[in-house]
Amino acid sequence: MANIPPPYPAPSGLMKGKTMIITAAAGSGIGGALARRAAEEGATLLLSDTHERRLGETADAIAAEGHARPATQLCDVTQEDQVQALIAAGIERLGRIDVLVNNAGLGGAASVIEMTDDQWSRVIDVTLTSVFRMTRAVLPHMYERRAGVIVNNASVLGWRAQKLQSHYAAAKAGVMAFTRCSAVEAAEHGVRINAVSPSLAMHASLGKVTPPGLLEELTSREAFGRYAEPWEVANVMLFLASDLSSYMTGEVLSVSSQQA
């Protein structure tokens, strides 16, 4: 049936020999799923997050599955000094940075007339400005090597309207635009920058920040009659991170089954 997820993918060595930094990699969301899939596909990882305990648990879970335990580093992507420290740690601990995945984001629900400046600014800072900070920090290293890939996590809300989401949607639309423009600059230096745009990927903490009934409503709009598993979004991110997408840059791939 369409509403049953497909089997979990068997590893194929897609990222063998590649190094990767993933932001917001702790827990059960897309970042955690990507960390697990990247490890399964052979990548050497540096995982970052602001949640020390959950970051350690994610790394431990990957090691328990028989993979090398990823390196970890705390990083608040709204703080420039911590961003620079993360990139420096990646170069030192991984030897080089082949792939950066900008996964950090912050949601929430608020109407325009009730939203405070602080609510607006916090979502923009975590979700959009962090992508700029991380990209700015890593590009000199990638430019010097004339190689590298950046994958950004956007959202279908960058294209589509949903009430109470003006701050988040504006941030994700900004991620899309930043992806396109920065990719044109980076292409001159052999670096690719792309993004994914998920619709609805279910994980444990999503229900905590979503108004009652909304997840059920959004799920009903999906053509497959179900939400995405986080690893299904991670699969597309790995495709963009891999050599299979070598001729793609400045693109935003929708990971969605939403009906028009």
Protein backbone atom coordinates (compact mmCIF):
# COMPACT_ATOMS: atom_id res chain seq x y z
CA MET A 1 0.00 0.00 0.00
CA ALA A 2 1.14 3.57 -0.73
CA ASN A 3 0.99 4.64 2.92
CA ILE A 4 3.54 2.05 4.06
CA PRO A 5 7.19 3.22 4.01
CA PRO A 6 9.57 1.30 1.74
CA PRO A 7 12.23 -0.98 3.19
CA TYR A 8 15.20 0.73 4.78
CA PRO A 9 17.94 1.01 2.13
CA ALA A 10 20.91 -1.33 2.04
CA PRO A 11 24.26 0.53 2.11
CA SER A 12 26.09 0.83 -1.21
CA GLY A 13 29.29 2.66 -0.26
CA LEU A 14 27.98 5.90 -1.76
CA MET A 15 30.08 8.13 0.54
CA LYS A 16 33.12 5.89 0.99
CA GLY A 17 36.24 8.01 1.45
CA LYS A 18 34.28 11.24 1.98
CA THR A 19 34.41 13.46 5.07
CA MET A 20 31.31 15.31 6.25
CA ILE A 21 30.21 17.87 8.83
CA ILE A 22 26.52 17.87 9.77
CA THR A 23 24.96 20.61 11.89
CA ALA A 24 21.98 19.91 14.18
CA ALA A 25 22.85 16.22 13.96
CA ALA A 26 21.55 15.03 17.33
CA GLY A 27 18.35 13.16 17.99
CA SER A 28 15.72 11.51 15.85
CA GLY A 29 15.16 14.17 13.19
CA ILE A 30 16.58 14.59 9.71
CA GLY A 31 20.08 15.43 11.03
CA GLY A 32 20.28 12.29 13.14
CA ALA A 33 18.94 10.16 10.29
CA LEU A 34 21.47 11.70 7.91
CA ALA A 35 24.31 10.98 10.32
CA ARG A 36 23.31 7.33 10.50
CA ARG A 37 22.84 6.98 6.74
CA ALA A 38 26.13 8.77 6.01
CA ALA A 39 27.98 6.44 8.38
CA GLU A 40 26.34 3.43 6.75
CA GLU A 41 27.45 4.73 3.35
CA GLY A 42 31.08 5.01 4.48
CA ALA A 43 31.52 8.70 5.35
CA THR A 44 33.85 9.90 8.10
CA LEU A 45 31.82 12.29 10.22
CA LEU A 46 32.01 15.29 12.50
CA LEU A 47 28.61 15.87 14.09
CA SER A 48 27.63 19.10 15.78
CA ASP A 49 24.66 20.33 17.79
CA THR A 50 23.84 22.47 20.82
CA HIS A 51 22.51 19.45 22.78
CA GLU A 52 25.55 17.72 24.28
CA ARG A 53 23.76 14.68 25.71
CA ARG A 54 21.72 13.93 22.58
CA LEU A 55 24.76 14.53 20.38
CA GLY A 56 26.71 11.93 22.34
CA GLU A 57 23.79 9.52 22.19
CA THR A 58 23.63 9.86 18.40
CA ALA A 59 27.35 9.18 18.06
CA ASP A 60 27.11 6.23 20.46
CA ALA A 61 24.20 4.75 18.51
CA ILE A 62 26.17 4.91 15.28
CA ALA A 63 29.14 3.20 16.96
CA ALA A 64 26.82 0.54 18.42
CA GLU A 65 25.75 -0.32 14.88
CA GLY A 66 29.33 -1.25 14.04
CA HIS A 67 30.56 1.98 12.45
CA ALA A 68 33.39 4.22 13.54
CA ARG A 69 32.16 6.56 16.26
CA PRO A 70 31.77 10.02 14.71
CA ALA A 71 33.71 12.94 16.11
CA THR A 72 31.44 15.44 17.85
CA GLN A 73 31.62 19.12 18.72
CA LEU A 74 29.14 21.45 20.36
CA CYS A 75 28.26 24.39 18.13
CA ASP A 76 25.67 27.14 18.34
CA VAL A 77 25.36 28.18 14.69
CA THR A 78 24.22 31.67 15.71
CA GLN A 79 27.66 32.35 17.22
CA GLU A 80 30.41 33.20 14.75
CA ASP A 81 33.25 32.09 17.02
CA GLN A 82 31.66 28.65 17.46
CA VAL A 83 31.05 28.35 13.71
CA GLN A 84 34.70 29.12 12.97
CA ALA A 85 35.79 26.66 15.67
CA LEU A 86 33.64 23.92 14.12
CA ILE A 87 35.19 24.38 10.68
CA ALA A 88 38.69 24.45 12.18
CA ALA A 89 37.90 21.26 14.09
CA GLY A 90 36.66 19.63 10.90
CA ILE A 91 39.89 20.38 9.08
CA GLU A 92 41.99 19.19 12.02
CA ARG A 93 40.02 16.06 12.94
CA LEU A 94 38.91 14.93 9.48
CA GLY A 95 41.94 16.11 7.51
CA ARG A 96 39.70 17.98 5.06
CA ILE A 97 36.03 18.82 4.65
CA ASP A 98 34.46 17.23 1.58
CA VAL A 99 30.85 17.90 2.52
CA LEU A 100 29.07 20.38 4.78
CA VAL A 101 25.39 19.84 5.53
CA ASN A 102 23.60 22.88 6.92
CA ASN A 103 20.73 21.23 8.75
CA ALA A 104 20.11 23.64 11.65
CA GLY A 105 16.69 25.26 11.77
CA LEU A 106 14.10 26.57 14.19
CA GLY A 107 10.33 26.52 13.77
CA GLY A 108 7.32 27.54 15.81
CA ALA A 109 3.87 28.94 15.18
CA ALA A 110 2.85 32.58 15.50
CA SER A 111 0.50 34.95 13.70
CA VAL A 112 2.00 38.04 12.11
CA ILE A 113 0.18 40.46 14.40
CA GLU A 114 1.24 38.58 17.54
CA MET A 115 4.80 37.72 16.54
CA THR A 116 7.49 39.62 18.43
CA ASP A 117 10.70 40.95 16.95
CA ASP A 118 12.58 38.40 19.04
CA GLN A 119 10.52 35.49 17.64
CA TRP A 120 11.11 36.68 14.08
CA SER A 121 14.80 37.35 14.56
CA ARG A 122 15.51 34.07 16.35
CA VAL A 123 13.96 31.96 13.57
CA ILE A 124 15.76 33.95 10.86
CA ASP A 125 19.08 33.71 12.71
CA VAL A 126 18.97 29.96 13.36
CA THR A 127 17.37 28.93 10.08
CA LEU A 128 18.81 31.34 7.50
CA THR A 129 21.73 33.36 8.84
CA SER A 130 23.39 30.21 10.18
CA VAL A 131 23.53 28.84 6.63
CA PHE A 132 25.34 32.00 5.56
CA ARG A 133 27.74 31.80 8.52
CA MET A 134 28.61 28.15 8.00
CA THR A 135 29.00 28.57 4.24
CA ARG A 136 31.18 31.65 4.62
CA ALA A 137 33.37 29.77 7.09
CA VAL A 138 33.91 26.63 5.01
CA LEU A 139 34.26 28.09 1.50
CA PRO A 140 37.87 29.32 1.84
CA HIS A 141 38.92 25.74 2.69
CA MET A 142 36.91 24.31 -0.21
CA TYR A 143 38.07 27.03 -2.61
CA GLU A 144 41.70 26.30 -1.76
CA ARG A 145 41.14 22.63 -2.56
CA ARG A 146 38.92 23.44 -5.56
CA ALA A 147 36.55 20.76 -4.31
CA GLY A 148 33.66 20.41 -1.93
CA VAL A 149 29.92 20.11 -1.59
CA ILE A 150 27.42 21.99 0.57
CA VAL A 151 23.88 20.70 1.11
CA ASN A 152 21.32 22.98 2.74
CA ASN A 153 18.04 21.94 4.33
CA ALA A 154 15.19 24.17 3.14
CA SER A 155 11.43 23.42 3.20
CA VAL A 156 8.44 23.36 0.87
CA LEU A 157 7.22 26.33 2.91
CA GLY A 158 9.77 28.35 0.97
CA TRP A 159 7.34 27.91 -1.93
CA ARG A 160 3.97 27.22 -0.32
CA ALA A 161 1.75 29.15 2.07
CA GLN A 162 0.80 28.05 5.57
CA LYS A 163 -0.68 30.26 8.26
CA LEU A 164 1.33 30.99 11.41
CA GLN A 165 4.57 30.19 9.56
CA SER A 166 5.58 33.53 8.02
CA HIS A 167 8.90 33.70 9.88
CA TYR A 168 9.88 30.11 9.13
CA ALA A 169 8.70 30.28 5.52
CA ALA A 170 10.60 33.52 4.94
CA ALA A 171 13.75 31.93 6.38
CA LYS A 172 13.45 28.83 4.22
CA ALA A 173 12.76 30.88 1.09
CA GLY A 174 15.92 32.74 1.98
CA VAL A 175 17.83 29.46 2.22
CA MET A 176 16.68 28.62 -1.30
CA ALA A 177 17.71 31.99 -2.70
CA PHE A 178 21.05 31.89 -0.86
CA THR A 179 21.67 28.38 -2.24
CA ARG A 180 21.13 29.54 -5.82
CA CYS A 181 23.24 32.68 -5.58
CA SER A 182 26.13 31.25 -3.56
CA ALA A 183 26.26 28.25 -5.91
CA VAL A 184 27.01 30.50 -8.89
CA GLU A 185 29.94 32.03 -7.02
CA ALA A 186 31.23 28.69 -5.75
CA ALA A 187 31.05 26.99 -9.15
CA GLU A 188 34.00 29.09 -10.31
CA HIS A 189 36.05 27.34 -7.61
CA GLY A 190 34.89 23.76 -8.22
CA VAL A 191 32.43 23.74 -5.30
CA ARG A 192 28.77 22.67 -5.55
CA ILE A 193 25.91 23.99 -3.38
CA ASN A 194 22.41 22.50 -3.46
CA ALA A 195 19.43 22.14 -1.12
CA VAL A 196 16.59 19.80 -0.27
CA SER A 197 13.07 20.99 0.39
CA PRO A 198 11.16 18.48 2.53
CA SER A 199 7.43 18.66 3.13
CA LEU A 200 6.67 16.57 6.21
CA ALA A 201 9.23 14.29 7.84
CA MET A 202 8.03 12.89 11.16
CA HIS A 203 10.26 12.67 14.23
CA ALA A 204 9.85 12.62 17.97
CA SER A 205 10.18 16.34 18.68
CA LEU A 206 8.00 17.60 15.82
CA GLY A 207 4.76 17.12 17.72
CA LYS A 208 6.06 19.26 20.58
CA VAL A 209 6.22 22.40 18.39
CA THR A 210 3.16 21.76 16.20
CA PRO A 211 -0.39 22.90 17.03
CA PRO A 212 -2.86 20.05 17.75
CA GLY A 213 -4.33 18.46 14.64
CA LEU A 214 -1.94 20.11 12.19
CA LEU A 215 0.28 17.06 11.62
CA GLU A 216 -2.80 14.98 10.79
CA GLU A 217 -4.02 17.66 8.40
CA LEU A 218 -0.65 17.94 6.66
CA THR A 219 -0.33 14.16 6.40
CA SER A 220 -3.73 13.98 4.70
CA ARG A 221 -2.42 16.24 1.93
CA GLU A 222 0.41 13.87 1.04
CA ALA A 223 -0.20 11.82 -2.09
CA PHE A 224 1.22 8.68 -0.46
CA GLY A 225 -1.09 9.12 2.53
CA ARG A 226 1.82 9.25 4.97
CA TYR A 227 4.61 11.51 6.15
CA ALA A 228 8.23 10.92 5.09
CA GLU A 229 10.59 8.98 7.27
CA PRO A 230 13.58 11.19 8.15
CA TRP A 231 15.91 8.73 6.41
CA GLU A 232 13.98 9.24 3.16
CA VAL A 233 14.97 12.92 3.24
CA ALA A 234 18.50 11.92 4.25
CA ASN A 235 18.74 9.72 1.15
CA VAL A 236 18.24 12.74 -1.11
CA MET A 237 20.75 14.76 0.87
CA LEU A 238 23.29 11.99 0.40
CA PHE A 239 22.60 11.97 -3.33
CA LEU A 240 23.36 15.70 -3.47
CA ALA A 241 26.46 15.18 -1.33
CA SER A 242 27.76 12.38 -3.53
CA ASP A 243 29.48 12.30 -6.90
CA LEU A 244 26.24 11.06 -8.46
CA SER A 245 25.03 14.68 -8.55
CA SER A 246 28.29 16.04 -9.99
CA TYR A 247 26.59 18.28 -12.57
CA MET A 248 24.05 19.78 -10.16
CA THR A 249 24.52 23.11 -8.41
CA GLY A 250 22.17 25.84 -7.30
CA GLU A 251 19.28 23.39 -7.28
CA VAL A 252 16.56 22.85 -4.68
CA LEU A 253 15.12 19.34 -4.74
CA SER A 254 11.64 18.92 -3.29
CA VAL A 255 11.36 15.82 -1.10
CA SER A 256 7.60 15.80 -1.04
CA SER A 257 4.48 13.93 -2.10
CA GLN A 258 2.17 16.88 -1.45
CA GLN A 259 -0.73 17.26 -3.83
CA ALA A 260 -1.24 20.61 -5.53
